[in-house]
Amino acid sequence: MCNDALASNEETPNHMIVWLDFHIGRREDYQRLKAAFSSTANPNNVNPIRLIDKDDDAINRTVGFEEVKFEGVNFLLAAFTNVECCVEFLQNNQDKKIFFITSGQIGRAAVPLIMLRCKNIFIDPVTNEPYQSIYVFCHDINRNADWMRQYLDYLAPPFVFDKDLLLRLIRDIADCFVVESKRLLAAKPPNNSAAYNRLNWAYTLYDR
């Protein structure tokens, strides 16, 4: 479910989680997910990363991303509360592996715009198949079912509880690393070092 890795520097994360939500700066929201993005590998650490502590204006001024540890694996993370800023950021980072988290309310506006401007981010260039790496977190699935039905090929099943979203995200990212590893080994010449690193990342996540 993932596209090819640019593995010229296998120590540098090329995988990104983009998080778009009106309430991402509120400490009481998404506590499990924020713990998973802690600066340490301990999944029980409830201290959110610095980016999540910023207010909405500070998040919207973000023009780059932070390198963080997601459940013990290096990752790039960018967070937004503004749809246009987020979509523009996605357009400028189409070389990255994107795992996109949003809410039902903001996803209604964001997902159609993403599909219009940078749909290729969510299509595997090797198989030309869409992959489900858009994750919608919402308390009222029925209220958002109308727009989500239009993008079923690109959306993971919607989530009511952040714990369930986190478990699915961890599994999908680990699966992606395994696919990348196989493709790197099958390349001519094979990139054994990068493939080994991705397998290690996958096993670290599966172990969670």
N, C-alpha and C. Protein backbone atom coordinates (compact mmCIF):
# COMPACT_ATOMS: atom_id res chain seq x y z
N MET A 1 0.81 -1.21 0.00
CA MET A 1 0.00 0.00 0.00
C MET A 1 0.85 1.26 0.00
N CYS A 2 2.10 1.14 -0.45
CA CYS A 2 2.93 2.33 -0.44
C CYS A 2 3.74 2.40 -1.71
N ASN A 3 4.17 3.59 -2.04
CA ASN A 3 4.96 3.76 -3.23
C ASN A 3 6.44 3.61 -2.93
N ASP A 4 7.27 3.72 -3.98
CA ASP A 4 8.68 3.42 -3.84
C ASP A 4 9.38 4.38 -2.90
N ALA A 5 10.42 3.89 -2.25
CA ALA A 5 11.21 4.69 -1.33
C ALA A 5 12.35 5.36 -2.07
N LEU A 6 12.64 6.59 -1.73
CA LEU A 6 13.86 7.24 -2.17
C LEU A 6 14.89 6.96 -1.10
N ALA A 7 15.69 5.96 -1.32
CA ALA A 7 16.52 5.43 -0.25
C ALA A 7 17.98 5.80 -0.41
N SER A 8 18.29 6.92 -1.09
CA SER A 8 19.68 7.29 -1.26
C SER A 8 20.36 7.54 0.07
N ASN A 9 19.59 8.01 1.06
CA ASN A 9 20.11 8.17 2.41
C ASN A 9 19.15 7.48 3.35
N GLU A 10 19.45 6.21 3.65
CA GLU A 10 18.47 5.42 4.39
C GLU A 10 18.34 5.82 5.84
N GLU A 11 19.22 6.70 6.35
CA GLU A 11 19.12 7.14 7.73
C GLU A 11 18.17 8.31 7.88
N THR A 12 17.85 8.98 6.80
CA THR A 12 16.98 10.16 6.85
C THR A 12 15.54 9.75 6.59
N PRO A 13 14.63 10.07 7.49
CA PRO A 13 13.23 9.66 7.27
C PRO A 13 12.64 10.35 6.05
N ASN A 14 12.02 9.57 5.20
CA ASN A 14 11.35 10.10 4.03
C ASN A 14 9.84 9.89 4.16
N HIS A 15 9.41 9.51 5.34
CA HIS A 15 8.01 9.20 5.59
C HIS A 15 7.43 10.28 6.49
N MET A 16 6.26 10.74 6.15
CA MET A 16 5.70 11.89 6.86
C MET A 16 4.27 11.63 7.28
N ILE A 17 3.96 12.06 8.49
CA ILE A 17 2.58 12.09 8.96
C ILE A 17 2.13 13.55 8.96
N VAL A 18 1.09 13.82 8.21
CA VAL A 18 0.52 15.17 8.14
C VAL A 18 -0.81 15.14 8.89
N TRP A 19 -0.95 16.08 9.82
CA TRP A 19 -2.08 16.07 10.75
C TRP A 19 -2.84 17.38 10.62
N LEU A 20 -4.08 17.31 10.17
CA LEU A 20 -4.91 18.49 9.95
C LEU A 20 -6.15 18.42 10.82
N ASP A 21 -6.27 19.36 11.76
CA ASP A 21 -7.42 19.35 12.66
C ASP A 21 -7.57 20.72 13.30
N PHE A 22 -8.80 21.18 13.45
CA PHE A 22 -9.05 22.48 14.07
C PHE A 22 -8.57 22.54 15.51
N HIS A 23 -8.59 21.40 16.21
CA HIS A 23 -8.33 21.38 17.65
C HIS A 23 -7.01 20.69 18.00
N ILE A 24 -6.09 20.64 17.07
CA ILE A 24 -4.86 19.89 17.31
C ILE A 24 -4.02 20.50 18.44
N GLY A 25 -4.20 21.80 18.70
CA GLY A 25 -3.41 22.44 19.74
C GLY A 25 -3.96 22.26 21.15
N ARG A 26 -5.14 21.65 21.29
CA ARG A 26 -5.75 21.50 22.61
C ARG A 26 -5.17 20.28 23.31
N ARG A 27 -4.70 20.48 24.54
CA ARG A 27 -4.02 19.40 25.26
C ARG A 27 -4.94 18.21 25.53
N GLU A 28 -6.23 18.47 25.68
CA GLU A 28 -7.13 17.38 26.07
C GLU A 28 -7.52 16.48 24.90
N ASP A 29 -7.19 16.87 23.67
CA ASP A 29 -7.57 16.08 22.50
C ASP A 29 -6.43 15.18 22.04
N TYR A 30 -6.78 14.02 21.51
CA TYR A 30 -5.83 13.10 20.87
C TYR A 30 -4.68 12.70 21.79
N GLN A 31 -4.96 12.40 23.03
CA GLN A 31 -3.88 12.15 23.99
C GLN A 31 -3.04 10.93 23.62
N ARG A 32 -3.68 9.86 23.15
CA ARG A 32 -2.90 8.67 22.78
C ARG A 32 -2.02 8.94 21.57
N LEU A 33 -2.58 9.63 20.59
CA LEU A 33 -1.79 9.94 19.40
C LEU A 33 -0.64 10.87 19.74
N LYS A 34 -0.90 11.84 20.59
CA LYS A 34 0.18 12.75 20.98
C LYS A 34 1.27 12.02 21.75
N ALA A 35 0.87 11.08 22.58
CA ALA A 35 1.87 10.29 23.30
C ALA A 35 2.73 9.49 22.32
N ALA A 36 2.11 9.01 21.24
CA ALA A 36 2.86 8.23 20.25
C ALA A 36 3.88 9.08 19.52
N PHE A 37 3.66 10.38 19.46
CA PHE A 37 4.60 11.28 18.82
C PHE A 37 5.57 11.91 19.82
N SER A 38 5.70 11.30 20.98
CA SER A 38 6.60 11.81 21.99
C SER A 38 8.03 11.82 21.48
N SER A 39 8.87 12.67 22.09
CA SER A 39 10.27 12.74 21.68
C SER A 39 11.07 11.55 22.17
N THR A 40 10.46 10.68 22.95
CA THR A 40 11.14 9.46 23.36
C THR A 40 10.39 8.27 22.79
N ALA A 41 11.01 7.10 22.86
CA ALA A 41 10.40 5.91 22.26
C ALA A 41 9.35 5.28 23.17
N ASN A 42 9.21 5.78 24.38
CA ASN A 42 8.29 5.18 25.34
C ASN A 42 6.85 5.51 24.98
N PRO A 43 6.03 4.53 24.57
CA PRO A 43 4.65 4.83 24.18
C PRO A 43 3.78 5.26 25.35
N ASN A 44 4.26 5.10 26.58
CA ASN A 44 3.48 5.52 27.74
C ASN A 44 3.77 6.97 28.14
N ASN A 45 4.70 7.60 27.45
CA ASN A 45 5.03 8.99 27.74
C ASN A 45 3.91 9.88 27.21
N VAL A 46 3.23 10.60 28.10
CA VAL A 46 2.07 11.39 27.69
C VAL A 46 2.44 12.84 27.37
N ASN A 47 3.73 13.17 27.33
CA ASN A 47 4.13 14.52 27.00
C ASN A 47 4.11 14.70 25.49
N PRO A 48 3.25 15.56 24.96
CA PRO A 48 3.20 15.73 23.51
C PRO A 48 4.44 16.44 22.99
N ILE A 49 4.71 16.28 21.70
CA ILE A 49 5.86 16.93 21.10
C ILE A 49 5.64 18.44 21.06
N ARG A 50 6.69 19.18 20.82
CA ARG A 50 6.63 20.63 20.90
C ARG A 50 5.61 21.22 19.92
N LEU A 51 5.54 20.66 18.71
CA LEU A 51 4.65 21.23 17.71
C LEU A 51 3.21 21.23 18.17
N ILE A 52 2.81 20.18 18.87
CA ILE A 52 1.43 20.08 19.33
C ILE A 52 1.14 21.10 20.43
N ASP A 53 2.18 21.57 21.11
CA ASP A 53 1.98 22.53 22.18
C ASP A 53 1.77 23.95 21.65
N LYS A 54 2.06 24.18 20.39
CA LYS A 54 1.91 25.52 19.84
C LYS A 54 0.44 25.88 19.71
N ASP A 55 0.18 27.19 19.72
CA ASP A 55 -1.20 27.60 19.48
C ASP A 55 -1.51 27.51 17.99
N ASP A 56 -2.78 27.74 17.64
CA ASP A 56 -3.20 27.56 16.25
C ASP A 56 -2.41 28.45 15.30
N ASP A 57 -2.18 29.71 15.68
CA ASP A 57 -1.45 30.61 14.79
C ASP A 57 -0.04 30.10 14.53
N ALA A 58 0.59 29.59 15.58
CA ALA A 58 1.95 29.08 15.41
C ALA A 58 1.97 27.86 14.50
N ILE A 59 0.96 26.99 14.64
CA ILE A 59 0.89 25.82 13.77
C ILE A 59 0.70 26.25 12.32
N ASN A 60 -0.16 27.22 12.08
CA ASN A 60 -0.42 27.65 10.71
C ASN A 60 0.77 28.35 10.09
N ARG A 61 1.68 28.88 10.90
CA ARG A 61 2.88 29.51 10.36
C ARG A 61 3.95 28.50 10.02
N THR A 62 3.73 27.24 10.37
CA THR A 62 4.72 26.20 10.10
C THR A 62 4.92 26.04 8.60
N VAL A 63 6.16 26.16 8.15
CA VAL A 63 6.47 26.00 6.73
C VAL A 63 7.27 24.74 6.49
N GLY A 64 7.67 24.06 7.52
CA GLY A 64 8.43 22.83 7.38
C GLY A 64 7.84 21.75 8.24
N PHE A 65 8.71 20.92 8.81
CA PHE A 65 8.23 19.81 9.60
C PHE A 65 9.25 19.51 10.67
N GLU A 66 8.83 18.76 11.66
CA GLU A 66 9.71 18.32 12.73
C GLU A 66 10.06 16.86 12.56
N GLU A 67 11.28 16.52 12.93
CA GLU A 67 11.63 15.11 13.00
C GLU A 67 11.32 14.63 14.41
N VAL A 68 10.52 13.60 14.51
CA VAL A 68 10.09 13.07 15.81
C VAL A 68 10.27 11.56 15.81
N LYS A 69 10.05 10.97 16.96
CA LYS A 69 9.97 9.52 17.03
C LYS A 69 8.51 9.13 17.17
N PHE A 70 8.05 8.31 16.24
CA PHE A 70 6.69 7.79 16.30
C PHE A 70 6.79 6.33 16.73
N GLU A 71 6.43 6.07 17.97
CA GLU A 71 6.52 4.73 18.54
C GLU A 71 7.90 4.11 18.32
N GLY A 72 8.94 4.94 18.45
CA GLY A 72 10.31 4.44 18.41
C GLY A 72 10.97 4.50 17.05
N VAL A 73 10.26 4.95 16.01
CA VAL A 73 10.82 5.03 14.66
C VAL A 73 10.86 6.49 14.23
N ASN A 74 11.99 6.92 13.66
CA ASN A 74 12.11 8.30 13.20
C ASN A 74 11.07 8.61 12.13
N PHE A 75 10.44 9.77 12.26
CA PHE A 75 9.42 10.19 11.31
C PHE A 75 9.44 11.69 11.18
N LEU A 76 8.86 12.18 10.10
CA LEU A 76 8.63 13.60 9.92
C LEU A 76 7.16 13.88 10.21
N LEU A 77 6.89 14.96 10.94
CA LEU A 77 5.52 15.31 11.31
C LEU A 77 5.27 16.78 11.01
N ALA A 78 4.14 17.06 10.36
CA ALA A 78 3.68 18.43 10.15
C ALA A 78 2.23 18.51 10.60
N ALA A 79 1.88 19.57 11.32
CA ALA A 79 0.53 19.73 11.85
C ALA A 79 -0.05 21.07 11.40
N PHE A 80 -1.34 21.05 11.07
CA PHE A 80 -2.01 22.24 10.55
C PHE A 80 -3.43 22.34 11.10
N THR A 81 -3.92 23.58 11.20
CA THR A 81 -5.33 23.81 11.49
C THR A 81 -6.03 24.48 10.30
N ASN A 82 -5.28 24.81 9.26
CA ASN A 82 -5.81 25.52 8.10
C ASN A 82 -5.74 24.62 6.86
N VAL A 83 -6.87 24.46 6.18
CA VAL A 83 -6.94 23.54 5.04
C VAL A 83 -6.01 23.96 3.92
N GLU A 84 -6.07 25.22 3.52
CA GLU A 84 -5.27 25.68 2.38
C GLU A 84 -3.78 25.54 2.65
N CYS A 85 -3.36 25.90 3.87
CA CYS A 85 -1.94 25.75 4.22
C CYS A 85 -1.51 24.29 4.14
N CYS A 86 -2.37 23.41 4.60
CA CYS A 86 -2.05 21.99 4.61
C CYS A 86 -1.94 21.44 3.20
N VAL A 87 -2.90 21.76 2.34
CA VAL A 87 -2.89 21.24 0.97
C VAL A 87 -1.68 21.77 0.21
N GLU A 88 -1.36 23.03 0.42
CA GLU A 88 -0.17 23.60 -0.22
C GLU A 88 1.09 22.86 0.23
N PHE A 89 1.14 22.54 1.52
CA PHE A 89 2.27 21.79 2.05
C PHE A 89 2.36 20.41 1.40
N LEU A 90 1.24 19.74 1.24
CA LEU A 90 1.23 18.43 0.59
C LEU A 90 1.74 18.54 -0.85
N GLN A 91 1.31 19.56 -1.55
CA GLN A 91 1.76 19.75 -2.93
C GLN A 91 3.27 19.91 -3.01
N ASN A 92 3.84 20.54 -1.99
CA ASN A 92 5.29 20.80 -1.99
C ASN A 92 6.09 19.63 -1.45
N ASN A 93 5.44 18.58 -1.00
CA ASN A 93 6.14 17.43 -0.42
C ASN A 93 5.66 16.12 -1.03
N GLN A 94 5.46 16.12 -2.32
CA GLN A 94 4.95 14.93 -2.99
C GLN A 94 6.00 13.84 -3.13
N ASP A 95 7.24 14.14 -2.76
CA ASP A 95 8.29 13.12 -2.78
C ASP A 95 8.30 12.30 -1.50
N LYS A 96 7.46 12.69 -0.53
CA LYS A 96 7.42 11.99 0.76
C LYS A 96 6.33 10.91 0.75
N LYS A 97 6.48 9.97 1.65
CA LYS A 97 5.41 9.00 1.93
C LYS A 97 4.46 9.67 2.93
N ILE A 98 3.24 9.92 2.54
CA ILE A 98 2.31 10.69 3.37
C ILE A 98 1.28 9.77 4.01
N PHE A 99 1.15 9.91 5.33
CA PHE A 99 0.05 9.32 6.09
C PHE A 99 -0.72 10.50 6.68
N PHE A 100 -1.96 10.66 6.25
CA PHE A 100 -2.71 11.89 6.50
C PHE A 100 -3.83 11.65 7.50
N ILE A 101 -3.82 12.40 8.60
CA ILE A 101 -4.85 12.31 9.64
C ILE A 101 -5.68 13.59 9.62
N THR A 102 -6.99 13.44 9.68
CA THR A 102 -7.85 14.62 9.76
C THR A 102 -9.13 14.26 10.50
N SER A 103 -9.92 15.27 10.80
CA SER A 103 -11.22 15.05 11.44
C SER A 103 -12.30 14.96 10.37
N GLY A 104 -13.49 14.51 10.76
CA GLY A 104 -14.59 14.44 9.81
C GLY A 104 -14.99 15.80 9.30
N GLN A 105 -15.05 16.77 10.20
CA GLN A 105 -15.51 18.11 9.82
C GLN A 105 -14.56 18.77 8.83
N ILE A 106 -13.28 18.78 9.15
CA ILE A 106 -12.32 19.45 8.28
C ILE A 106 -11.99 18.59 7.06
N GLY A 107 -12.12 17.27 7.21
CA GLY A 107 -11.87 16.39 6.07
C GLY A 107 -12.86 16.60 4.95
N ARG A 108 -14.07 17.00 5.28
CA ARG A 108 -15.11 17.26 4.27
C ARG A 108 -14.62 18.31 3.27
N ALA A 109 -13.89 19.30 3.75
CA ALA A 109 -13.35 20.33 2.86
C ALA A 109 -11.98 19.96 2.31
N ALA A 110 -11.17 19.29 3.13
CA ALA A 110 -9.78 19.05 2.75
C ALA A 110 -9.61 17.92 1.75
N VAL A 111 -10.28 16.80 1.96
CA VAL A 111 -10.04 15.62 1.11
C VAL A 111 -10.38 15.88 -0.35
N PRO A 112 -11.53 16.49 -0.69
CA PRO A 112 -11.79 16.79 -2.11
C PRO A 112 -10.72 17.69 -2.72
N LEU A 113 -10.21 18.64 -1.95
CA LEU A 113 -9.17 19.54 -2.44
C LEU A 113 -7.87 18.78 -2.68
N ILE A 114 -7.55 17.87 -1.77
CA ILE A 114 -6.34 17.05 -1.93
C ILE A 114 -6.46 16.17 -3.17
N MET A 115 -7.63 15.56 -3.36
CA MET A 115 -7.83 14.71 -4.53
C MET A 115 -7.72 15.50 -5.83
N LEU A 116 -8.08 16.76 -5.80
CA LEU A 116 -8.01 17.61 -6.98
C LEU A 116 -6.58 18.04 -7.29
N ARG A 117 -5.81 18.36 -6.24
CA ARG A 117 -4.50 18.97 -6.46
C ARG A 117 -3.32 18.01 -6.37
N CYS A 118 -3.44 16.98 -5.56
CA CYS A 118 -2.28 16.11 -5.37
C CYS A 118 -2.70 14.67 -5.08
N LYS A 119 -3.62 14.18 -5.86
CA LYS A 119 -4.15 12.83 -5.69
C LYS A 119 -3.06 11.77 -5.81
N ASN A 120 -2.05 12.05 -6.63
CA ASN A 120 -1.00 11.05 -6.88
C ASN A 120 -0.24 10.66 -5.62
N ILE A 121 -0.29 11.49 -4.58
CA ILE A 121 0.37 11.15 -3.32
C ILE A 121 -0.19 9.85 -2.77
N PHE A 122 -1.44 9.58 -3.04
CA PHE A 122 -2.12 8.42 -2.47
C PHE A 122 -2.35 7.31 -3.50
N ILE A 123 -1.49 7.28 -4.52
CA ILE A 123 -1.53 6.22 -5.53
C ILE A 123 -0.14 5.60 -5.65
N ASP A 124 -0.07 4.30 -5.59
CA ASP A 124 1.20 3.60 -5.71
C ASP A 124 1.69 3.68 -7.16
N PRO A 125 2.85 4.29 -7.41
CA PRO A 125 3.32 4.44 -8.79
C PRO A 125 3.77 3.13 -9.42
N VAL A 126 4.00 2.10 -8.61
CA VAL A 126 4.40 0.81 -9.15
C VAL A 126 3.19 0.02 -9.62
N THR A 127 2.16 -0.05 -8.78
CA THR A 127 0.96 -0.82 -9.12
C THR A 127 -0.16 0.05 -9.70
N ASN A 128 -0.03 1.37 -9.54
CA ASN A 128 -1.05 2.33 -9.96
C ASN A 128 -2.37 2.13 -9.22
N GLU A 129 -2.29 1.54 -8.05
CA GLU A 129 -3.47 1.31 -7.21
C GLU A 129 -3.52 2.34 -6.09
N PRO A 130 -4.72 2.84 -5.76
CA PRO A 130 -4.82 3.74 -4.59
C PRO A 130 -4.56 2.98 -3.31
N TYR A 131 -4.05 3.67 -2.31
CA TYR A 131 -3.88 3.03 -1.01
C TYR A 131 -4.53 3.89 0.06
N GLN A 132 -4.99 3.23 1.09
CA GLN A 132 -5.82 3.87 2.11
C GLN A 132 -4.95 4.45 3.22
N SER A 133 -4.39 5.62 2.96
CA SER A 133 -3.55 6.25 3.98
C SER A 133 -4.09 7.62 4.38
N ILE A 134 -5.39 7.80 4.24
CA ILE A 134 -6.08 8.96 4.79
C ILE A 134 -6.93 8.45 5.95
N TYR A 135 -6.70 9.00 7.14
CA TYR A 135 -7.33 8.50 8.36
C TYR A 135 -8.26 9.57 8.92
N VAL A 136 -9.54 9.25 9.00
CA VAL A 136 -10.55 10.21 9.47
C VAL A 136 -10.97 9.84 10.89
N PHE A 137 -10.78 10.78 11.80
CA PHE A 137 -11.17 10.59 13.20
C PHE A 137 -12.40 11.45 13.46
N CYS A 138 -13.53 10.81 13.77
CA CYS A 138 -14.75 11.59 14.00
C CYS A 138 -15.66 10.84 14.96
N HIS A 139 -16.38 11.59 15.79
CA HIS A 139 -17.29 10.99 16.76
C HIS A 139 -18.63 10.62 16.14
N ASP A 140 -18.95 11.22 15.00
CA ASP A 140 -20.24 10.96 14.34
C ASP A 140 -19.97 10.52 12.90
N ILE A 141 -19.81 9.21 12.70
CA ILE A 141 -19.50 8.69 11.38
C ILE A 141 -20.65 8.93 10.41
N ASN A 142 -21.88 8.74 10.87
CA ASN A 142 -23.04 8.90 9.99
C ASN A 142 -23.13 10.31 9.42
N ARG A 143 -22.74 11.27 10.21
CA ARG A 143 -22.81 12.66 9.77
C ARG A 143 -21.83 12.94 8.63
N ASN A 144 -20.77 12.16 8.55
CA ASN A 144 -19.74 12.38 7.54
C ASN A 144 -19.73 11.31 6.45
N ALA A 145 -20.67 10.38 6.53
CA ALA A 145 -20.66 9.25 5.58
C ALA A 145 -20.85 9.70 4.14
N ASP A 146 -21.60 10.80 3.92
CA ASP A 146 -21.90 11.22 2.55
C ASP A 146 -20.64 11.56 1.77
N TRP A 147 -19.75 12.36 2.37
CA TRP A 147 -18.54 12.72 1.63
C TRP A 147 -17.49 11.60 1.66
N MET A 148 -17.44 10.82 2.74
CA MET A 148 -16.43 9.76 2.83
C MET A 148 -16.69 8.66 1.80
N ARG A 149 -17.96 8.41 1.49
CA ARG A 149 -18.29 7.36 0.51
C ARG A 149 -17.66 7.64 -0.86
N GLN A 150 -17.42 8.89 -1.16
CA GLN A 150 -16.87 9.25 -2.47
C GLN A 150 -15.38 8.92 -2.59
N TYR A 151 -14.72 8.64 -1.46
CA TYR A 151 -13.27 8.44 -1.48
C TYR A 151 -12.86 7.15 -0.76
N LEU A 152 -13.70 6.13 -0.85
CA LEU A 152 -13.45 4.90 -0.10
C LEU A 152 -12.13 4.24 -0.47
N ASP A 153 -11.69 4.40 -1.72
CA ASP A 153 -10.43 3.77 -2.13
C ASP A 153 -9.22 4.39 -1.45
N TYR A 154 -9.38 5.59 -0.92
CA TYR A 154 -8.25 6.32 -0.36
C TYR A 154 -8.32 6.44 1.16
N LEU A 155 -9.47 6.13 1.73
CA LEU A 155 -9.68 6.30 3.17
C LEU A 155 -9.62 4.96 3.89
N ALA A 156 -8.90 4.95 5.01
CA ALA A 156 -9.04 3.84 5.94
C ALA A 156 -10.44 3.93 6.56
N PRO A 157 -10.95 2.84 7.13
CA PRO A 157 -12.24 2.94 7.81
C PRO A 157 -12.20 4.06 8.85
N PRO A 158 -13.27 4.84 9.00
CA PRO A 158 -13.27 5.95 9.96
C PRO A 158 -13.14 5.45 11.40
N PHE A 159 -12.62 6.32 12.25
CA PHE A 159 -12.32 5.94 13.63
C PHE A 159 -13.06 6.86 14.60
N VAL A 160 -13.65 6.24 15.62
CA VAL A 160 -14.31 6.99 16.69
C VAL A 160 -13.36 7.16 17.87
N PHE A 161 -12.49 6.19 18.11
CA PHE A 161 -11.57 6.22 19.25
C PHE A 161 -10.13 6.37 18.75
N ASP A 162 -9.39 7.28 19.40
CA ASP A 162 -8.03 7.54 18.92
C ASP A 162 -7.12 6.33 19.11
N LYS A 163 -7.42 5.46 20.07
CA LYS A 163 -6.62 4.25 20.25
C LYS A 163 -6.71 3.36 19.01
N ASP A 164 -7.92 3.21 18.47
CA ASP A 164 -8.10 2.39 17.27
C ASP A 164 -7.38 2.99 16.07
N LEU A 165 -7.45 4.31 15.95
CA LEU A 165 -6.75 4.99 14.87
C LEU A 165 -5.25 4.75 14.98
N LEU A 166 -4.73 4.87 16.19
CA LEU A 166 -3.30 4.69 16.41
C LEU A 166 -2.85 3.28 16.03
N LEU A 167 -3.62 2.27 16.45
CA LEU A 167 -3.26 0.89 16.13
C LEU A 167 -3.26 0.65 14.63
N ARG A 168 -4.26 1.18 13.93
CA ARG A 168 -4.31 1.00 12.48
C ARG A 168 -3.16 1.73 11.79
N LEU A 169 -2.86 2.94 12.26
CA LEU A 169 -1.77 3.72 11.68
C LEU A 169 -0.44 3.00 11.84
N ILE A 170 -0.19 2.47 13.04
CA ILE A 170 1.05 1.74 13.29
C ILE A 170 1.16 0.54 12.35
N ARG A 171 0.08 -0.21 12.22
CA ARG A 171 0.10 -1.40 11.36
C ARG A 171 0.34 -1.04 9.90
N ASP A 172 -0.35 0.00 9.42
CA ASP A 172 -0.22 0.38 8.02
C ASP A 172 1.19 0.87 7.70
N ILE A 173 1.77 1.64 8.61
CA ILE A 173 3.13 2.14 8.37
C ILE A 173 4.12 0.99 8.37
N ALA A 174 3.95 0.06 9.29
CA ALA A 174 4.83 -1.11 9.32
C ALA A 174 4.70 -1.92 8.03
N ASP A 175 3.47 -2.12 7.56
CA ASP A 175 3.25 -2.83 6.30
C ASP A 175 3.95 -2.12 5.15
N CYS A 176 3.90 -0.80 5.16
CA CYS A 176 4.54 -0.01 4.12
C CYS A 176 6.04 -0.23 4.12
N PHE A 177 6.65 -0.26 5.30
CA PHE A 177 8.09 -0.50 5.39
C PHE A 177 8.46 -1.88 4.84
N VAL A 178 7.62 -2.87 5.08
CA VAL A 178 7.89 -4.22 4.57
C VAL A 178 7.86 -4.22 3.04
N VAL A 179 6.86 -3.57 2.45
CA VAL A 179 6.77 -3.48 0.99
C VAL A 179 7.99 -2.78 0.43
N GLU A 180 8.38 -1.67 1.05
CA GLU A 180 9.56 -0.94 0.60
C GLU A 180 10.80 -1.82 0.66
N SER A 181 10.93 -2.56 1.74
CA SER A 181 12.10 -3.42 1.91
C SER A 181 12.18 -4.44 0.77
N LYS A 182 11.06 -5.05 0.43
CA LYS A 182 11.05 -6.04 -0.65
C LYS A 182 11.42 -5.40 -1.98
N ARG A 183 10.95 -4.19 -2.23
CA ARG A 183 11.26 -3.53 -3.49
C ARG A 183 12.73 -3.12 -3.56
N LEU A 184 13.27 -2.71 -2.44
CA LEU A 184 14.68 -2.35 -2.40
C LEU A 184 15.57 -3.57 -2.63
N LEU A 185 15.17 -4.71 -2.11
CA LEU A 185 15.93 -5.94 -2.32
C LEU A 185 15.81 -6.43 -3.76
N ALA A 186 14.68 -6.15 -4.39
CA ALA A 186 14.46 -6.60 -5.77
C ALA A 186 15.09 -5.66 -6.79
N ALA A 187 15.54 -4.49 -6.35
CA ALA A 187 16.12 -3.52 -7.28
C ALA A 187 17.45 -4.04 -7.84
N LYS A 188 17.89 -3.48 -8.94
CA LYS A 188 19.15 -3.86 -9.55
C LYS A 188 20.03 -2.63 -9.66
N PRO A 189 21.10 -2.53 -8.82
CA PRO A 189 21.47 -3.51 -7.79
C PRO A 189 20.59 -3.36 -6.55
N PRO A 190 20.48 -4.38 -5.73
CA PRO A 190 19.67 -4.27 -4.51
C PRO A 190 20.31 -3.33 -3.50
N ASN A 191 19.48 -2.64 -2.75
CA ASN A 191 19.97 -1.76 -1.69
C ASN A 191 19.74 -2.47 -0.36
N ASN A 192 20.68 -3.33 -0.02
CA ASN A 192 20.51 -4.19 1.15
C ASN A 192 20.44 -3.40 2.45
N SER A 193 21.26 -2.36 2.56
CA SER A 193 21.31 -1.59 3.80
C SER A 193 19.98 -0.88 4.07
N ALA A 194 19.44 -0.22 3.04
CA ALA A 194 18.17 0.48 3.20
C ALA A 194 17.04 -0.52 3.47
N ALA A 195 17.07 -1.66 2.79
CA ALA A 195 16.05 -2.68 3.01
C ALA A 195 16.09 -3.19 4.44
N TYR A 196 17.28 -3.41 4.95
CA TYR A 196 17.43 -3.90 6.33
C TYR A 196 16.89 -2.87 7.32
N ASN A 197 17.19 -1.60 7.09
CA ASN A 197 16.69 -0.56 7.99
C ASN A 197 15.17 -0.53 8.02
N ARG A 198 14.55 -0.66 6.86
CA ARG A 198 13.10 -0.62 6.82
C ARG A 198 12.46 -1.82 7.49
N LEU A 199 13.10 -2.97 7.37
CA LEU A 199 12.61 -4.14 8.10
C LEU A 199 12.70 -3.92 9.60
N ASN A 200 13.80 -3.32 10.04
CA ASN A 200 13.94 -3.01 11.47
C ASN A 200 12.86 -2.05 11.93
N TRP A 201 12.58 -1.03 11.12
CA TRP A 201 11.52 -0.08 11.48
C TRP A 201 10.18 -0.80 11.57
N ALA A 202 9.92 -1.68 10.60
CA ALA A 202 8.65 -2.42 10.60
C ALA A 202 8.52 -3.28 11.85
N TYR A 203 9.56 -4.00 12.20
CA TYR A 203 9.49 -4.87 13.38
C TYR A 203 9.32 -4.06 14.65
N THR A 204 9.96 -2.88 14.71
CA THR A 204 9.79 -2.01 15.87
C THR A 204 8.32 -1.62 16.04
N LEU A 205 7.67 -1.28 14.93
CA LEU A 205 6.26 -0.89 14.99
C LEU A 205 5.35 -2.08 15.26
N TYR A 206 5.61 -3.20 14.60
CA TYR A 206 4.79 -4.40 14.85
C TYR A 206 4.85 -4.80 16.32
N ASP A 207 5.99 -4.57 16.94
CA ASP A 207 6.20 -4.98 18.33
C ASP A 207 5.37 -4.14 19.29
N ARG A 208 4.85 -2.99 18.82
CA ARG A 208 4.04 -2.14 19.69
C ARG A 208 2.70 -2.78 19.96
